[in-house]
Protein backbone atom coordinates (compact mmCIF):
# COMPACT_ATOMS: atom_id res chain seq x y z
CA MET A 1 93.67 69.90 66.07
CA ARG A 2 91.17 68.23 63.78
CA ARG A 3 90.79 70.07 60.47
CA ILE A 4 87.38 69.52 58.95
CA ALA A 5 86.20 71.20 55.75
CA PHE A 6 82.55 71.59 54.86
CA TRP A 7 82.46 71.36 51.10
CA ASN A 8 80.35 70.65 48.06
CA GLU A 9 81.09 71.98 44.59
CA LYS A 10 77.46 73.07 44.28
CA GLY A 11 76.13 76.00 46.26
CA GLY A 12 72.89 76.01 48.23
CA THR A 13 73.52 72.74 50.07
CA CYS A 14 73.55 74.19 53.65
CA LYS A 15 77.35 74.12 53.84
CA THR A 16 77.67 77.31 55.88
CA THR A 17 74.59 76.49 57.95
CA LEU A 18 76.18 73.20 58.95
CA CYS A 19 79.63 74.65 59.58
CA VAL A 20 78.45 77.48 61.83
CA ASN A 21 75.90 75.51 63.83
CA VAL A 22 78.20 72.52 64.23
CA ALA A 23 80.82 74.93 65.61
CA ALA A 24 78.28 76.24 68.11
CA ARG A 25 77.21 72.77 69.21
CA LEU A 26 80.77 71.51 69.62
CA ALA A 27 81.68 74.58 71.67
CA ALA A 28 78.65 73.96 73.88
CA ARG A 29 80.07 70.50 74.46
CA GLY A 30 83.33 71.96 75.70
CA ARG A 31 85.43 72.02 72.53
CA ARG A 32 87.42 75.05 71.42
CA VAL A 33 86.63 75.77 67.79
CA LEU A 34 88.34 77.91 65.15
CA LEU A 35 85.95 78.66 62.31
CA VAL A 36 87.76 79.58 59.09
CA ASP A 37 85.65 81.33 56.45
CA LEU A 38 87.02 80.77 52.94
CA ASP A 39 83.90 81.97 51.12
CA THR A 40 84.00 85.48 49.64
CA GLN A 41 80.42 86.11 50.77
CA GLY A 42 81.56 86.06 54.39
CA HIS A 43 78.38 84.29 55.45
CA ALA A 44 79.97 82.35 58.29
CA GLY A 45 80.87 85.58 60.07
CA LYS A 46 77.55 87.20 59.24
CA SER A 47 75.70 84.19 60.64
CA LEU A 48 77.42 84.84 63.97
CA GLY A 49 76.71 88.56 64.05
CA VAL A 50 80.20 89.65 62.94
CA ASP A 51 80.30 92.83 60.82
CA VAL A 52 82.71 91.47 58.24
CA ARG A 53 82.59 94.59 56.05
CA SER A 54 84.31 96.77 58.63
CA LEU A 55 87.21 94.48 59.50
CA ALA A 56 90.74 95.83 59.08
CA VAL A 57 92.31 92.36 58.86
CA THR A 58 90.65 89.27 57.39
CA VAL A 59 91.58 85.75 56.39
CA ARG A 60 92.78 87.16 53.05
CA ASP A 61 95.47 89.25 54.74
CA TRP A 62 96.39 86.34 56.99
CA LEU A 63 96.89 84.05 54.00
CA LEU A 64 98.81 86.53 51.88
CA ASP A 65 101.27 87.74 54.51
CA PRO A 66 103.07 84.97 56.43
CA ARG A 67 104.69 87.64 58.61
CA ARG A 68 101.38 88.23 60.33
CA ALA A 69 101.03 86.53 63.70
CA PRO A 70 99.21 83.17 63.59
CA LEU A 71 96.17 84.57 65.42
CA GLU A 72 96.29 88.16 64.18
CA ALA A 73 93.13 87.94 62.08
CA VAL A 74 91.15 85.89 64.61
CA VAL A 75 87.94 87.51 65.86
CA ARG A 76 86.08 86.38 68.95
CA THR A 77 82.42 85.63 68.30
CA PRO A 78 79.54 86.06 70.76
CA LEU A 79 79.67 82.29 71.31
CA PRO A 80 82.02 81.15 74.08
CA GLY A 81 84.54 78.73 72.64
CA VAL A 82 84.13 79.81 69.00
CA ASP A 83 86.61 82.12 67.27
CA ILE A 84 86.56 82.96 63.58
CA LEU A 85 89.00 83.87 60.85
CA PRO A 86 86.49 85.98 58.94
CA ALA A 87 86.19 86.72 55.24
CA ASN A 88 84.55 89.41 53.16
CA LYS A 89 84.42 90.26 49.47
CA ASP A 90 88.12 91.24 49.49
CA LEU A 91 88.91 87.53 49.63
CA ALA A 92 87.99 87.39 45.93
CA GLY A 93 91.35 89.02 45.23
CA PHE A 94 93.35 86.24 46.87
CA PRO A 95 93.85 84.04 43.77
CA ALA A 96 95.29 86.87 41.70
CA ALA A 97 97.44 88.19 44.55
CA ALA A 98 98.87 84.77 45.43
CA ALA A 99 99.04 83.16 41.99
CA ALA A 100 102.75 83.82 41.41
CA ALA A 101 103.82 82.37 44.76
CA PRO A 102 105.17 78.79 44.54
CA ASP A 103 103.30 77.87 47.72
CA ALA A 104 100.02 79.56 46.72
CA ALA A 105 97.97 76.38 47.14
CA ASP A 106 99.55 75.53 50.50
CA ARG A 107 99.10 78.82 52.33
CA LEU A 108 96.16 77.66 54.46
CA ASP A 109 97.92 74.43 55.42
CA GLN A 110 101.04 76.34 56.42
CA ARG A 111 99.21 79.00 58.40
CA LEU A 112 97.07 76.51 60.31
CA ALA A 113 100.24 74.63 61.25
CA GLU A 114 101.43 77.84 62.96
CA VAL A 115 98.41 78.03 65.28
CA PRO A 116 99.70 77.31 68.79
CA ALA A 117 99.27 73.67 69.75
CA GLY A 118 96.40 73.15 72.16
CA ARG A 119 94.73 76.47 71.40
CA TYR A 120 91.84 74.83 69.54
CA ASP A 121 90.44 71.33 69.39
CA LEU A 122 88.99 71.72 65.90
CA ALA A 123 89.34 73.97 62.88
CA LEU A 124 86.16 74.01 60.79
CA LEU A 125 86.73 75.30 57.26
CA ASP A 126 83.80 76.81 55.37
CA ALA A 127 84.85 76.18 51.77
CA PRO A 128 83.75 78.09 48.68
CA PRO A 129 81.22 76.27 46.49
CA SER A 130 83.31 76.29 43.31
CA GLN A 131 86.74 75.22 42.14
CA SER A 132 89.41 77.89 42.69
CA LEU A 133 92.78 78.46 44.32
CA LEU A 134 90.88 78.89 47.59
CA THR A 135 89.26 75.48 47.16
CA GLU A 136 92.65 73.94 46.48
CA ASN A 137 93.95 75.50 49.68
CA VAL A 138 91.04 74.02 51.60
CA LEU A 139 91.55 70.53 50.20
CA ARG A 140 95.27 70.59 50.95
CA ALA A 141 94.78 71.89 54.49
CA ALA A 142 91.81 69.75 55.55
CA ARG A 143 92.20 66.25 56.91
CA GLU A 144 88.49 65.46 56.94
CA LEU A 145 85.45 66.45 54.88
CA VAL A 146 81.81 66.92 55.73
CA VAL A 147 79.86 66.90 52.47
CA PRO A 148 76.32 68.30 52.56
CA VAL A 149 74.10 67.07 49.74
CA ALA A 150 70.74 68.68 49.16
CA LEU A 151 68.18 66.10 48.08
CA THR A 152 67.98 67.40 44.51
CA TYR A 153 69.39 65.99 41.29
CA LEU A 154 71.89 68.81 40.72
CA ALA A 155 73.27 68.56 44.26
CA LEU A 156 73.74 64.82 43.79
CA ASP A 157 75.68 65.62 40.62
CA GLY A 158 77.80 68.05 42.66
CA CYS A 159 78.58 65.22 45.08
CA ALA A 160 79.94 63.18 42.17
CA GLU A 161 82.21 66.12 41.30
CA VAL A 162 83.50 66.12 44.88
CA LEU A 163 84.50 62.48 44.59
CA ASP A 164 86.24 63.10 41.25
CA SER A 165 88.19 66.00 42.76
CA LEU A 166 89.37 63.83 45.66
CA VAL A 167 90.51 61.11 43.28
CA ARG A 168 92.53 63.65 41.27
CA LEU A 169 94.07 65.17 44.40
CA ARG A 170 95.03 61.76 45.74
CA ALA A 171 96.67 60.88 42.42
CA GLU A 172 98.59 64.16 42.30
CA ARG A 173 99.70 64.40 45.91
CA GLY A 174 99.44 60.91 47.30
CA ARG A 175 96.80 61.96 49.84
CA ALA A 176 93.52 63.82 50.12
CA PRO A 177 91.13 64.54 52.96
CA GLU A 178 88.84 61.67 53.85
CA ILE A 179 85.08 61.96 54.00
CA THR A 180 83.99 61.79 57.62
CA LEU A 181 80.31 62.50 57.01
CA VAL A 182 77.90 62.96 54.12
CA VAL A 183 74.84 64.90 55.26
CA ALA A 184 71.56 64.85 53.36
CA THR A 185 69.98 68.31 53.57
CA LEU A 186 66.87 70.26 52.59
CA GLN A 187 64.69 67.18 52.74
CA ARG A 188 61.15 67.47 51.44
CA ARG A 189 58.66 64.63 51.38
CA THR A 190 58.81 63.93 47.65
CA GLN A 191 59.46 60.78 45.67
CA LEU A 192 62.59 62.30 44.10
CA ALA A 193 64.05 63.21 47.50
CA GLY A 194 63.46 59.66 48.68
CA GLU A 195 65.15 58.23 45.60
CA ILE A 196 68.20 60.48 46.02
CA LEU A 197 68.46 59.58 49.70
CA GLY A 198 68.41 55.93 48.68
CA LYS A 199 71.27 56.51 46.23
CA LEU A 200 73.29 58.21 48.96
CA ARG A 201 72.75 55.24 51.28
CA GLU A 202 74.03 52.90 48.57
CA ARG A 203 77.09 55.02 47.75
CA PHE A 204 78.03 55.98 51.33
CA PRO A 205 76.96 53.06 53.53
CA ARG A 206 79.34 53.98 56.36
CA THR A 207 79.64 57.75 56.12
CA LEU A 208 76.07 58.91 55.47
CA SER A 209 74.82 60.74 58.54
CA ARG A 210 72.12 59.08 60.59
CA THR A 211 70.31 62.43 60.65
CA VAL A 212 68.75 64.14 57.63
CA LEU A 213 68.55 67.94 57.84
CA GLY A 214 65.11 69.01 56.69
CA TRP A 215 64.20 72.50 55.56
CA SER A 216 63.62 74.68 58.64
CA VAL A 217 62.34 78.26 58.71
CA LYS A 218 63.84 78.63 62.20
CA VAL A 219 67.33 78.14 60.79
CA ASP A 220 66.72 80.85 58.20
CA GLU A 221 65.33 83.17 60.86
CA ALA A 222 68.37 82.60 63.07
CA GLN A 223 70.76 83.49 60.27
CA SER A 224 68.86 86.67 59.49
CA HIS A 225 69.47 87.77 63.09
CA GLY A 226 73.15 86.79 63.09
CA ARG A 227 72.54 83.96 65.55
CA THR A 228 72.75 80.19 65.62
CA VAL A 229 69.57 78.14 65.69
CA PHE A 230 70.48 77.03 69.23
CA GLU A 231 70.19 80.62 70.40
CA HIS A 232 67.15 81.49 68.31
CA ALA A 233 65.00 78.36 68.53
CA PRO A 234 66.70 75.70 70.67
CA GLY A 235 63.65 73.44 70.71
CA SER A 236 63.05 73.46 66.96
CA SER A 237 63.44 70.49 64.64
CA GLY A 238 66.33 72.28 62.93
CA ALA A 239 68.19 72.68 66.22
CA ARG A 240 67.67 69.03 67.11
CA ALA A 241 68.92 67.85 63.72
CA LEU A 242 71.98 70.10 63.71
CA ALA A 243 72.87 69.04 67.25
CA ALA A 244 72.66 65.37 66.25
CA ILE A 245 74.85 65.94 63.19
CA ALA A 246 77.47 67.78 65.27
CA ASP A 247 77.44 65.01 67.86
CA GLU A 248 77.98 62.44 65.13
CA ILE A 249 81.00 64.34 63.80
CA LEU A 250 82.45 64.40 67.30
CA GLU A 251 81.67 60.73 67.79
CA ARG A 252 83.21 59.56 64.55
CA GLY A 253 86.67 61.01 65.07
CA SER A 254 88.74 59.16 62.50
CA PRO A 255 86.89 55.91 61.70
CA PRO A 256 87.27 53.74 58.56
CA ARG A 257 85.53 55.55 55.73
CA ASP A 258 83.93 54.93 52.36
CA ARG A 259 86.59 55.49 49.73
CA SER A 260 86.09 57.98 46.91
């Protein structure tokens, strides 16, 4: 099972948008996908029409109690082929609850290893946008990273922080997830956006996605209805771009990558 985290240390980069819609596209192409929401806002579940506030068991409970069955917290989504380990605001209590445990940073890695072999083809991890014990869990559990970078100066700075974090993790543990794809997002036709895209091409010559995700009102509308853009506006530019990005992730598998 491929484990791919969608992560940038800055929020507002389309991380959840990518994660959810990529899951939908890959499922439409016949893959079985487990979506793991590690963001306390629970937006991945909400984007798929899951009422995360009413759930009795969430990813928090699944991480804190290893006696729970490997799939106990899994919720089926309306999309065939996509299941989710959902989160809600209770996940904010995970760092304090798990802090004293010697394996606190490895809980996600351990729990994913318990998922029955062959049940899913991919686990897509929607990471929180800031450094925390949850982020550390994501980076230890993931084998690949998709890094969305909004074409703004601050998001580019956040990308630099991502690279620094991977260097530190590799030094501490001897390994870190590799970057499979860097995705430029929220493109607007400005000189600054063009300059930032140029910098990304220089820094990530092999891993920068061929497709740039522009701003799309149809994507926002879809999320407000708890649907993917493929359900809401399948012919829109946003749907075409997200499909192409998902296809590229599937195509790349585990190629040689730009090193952080």
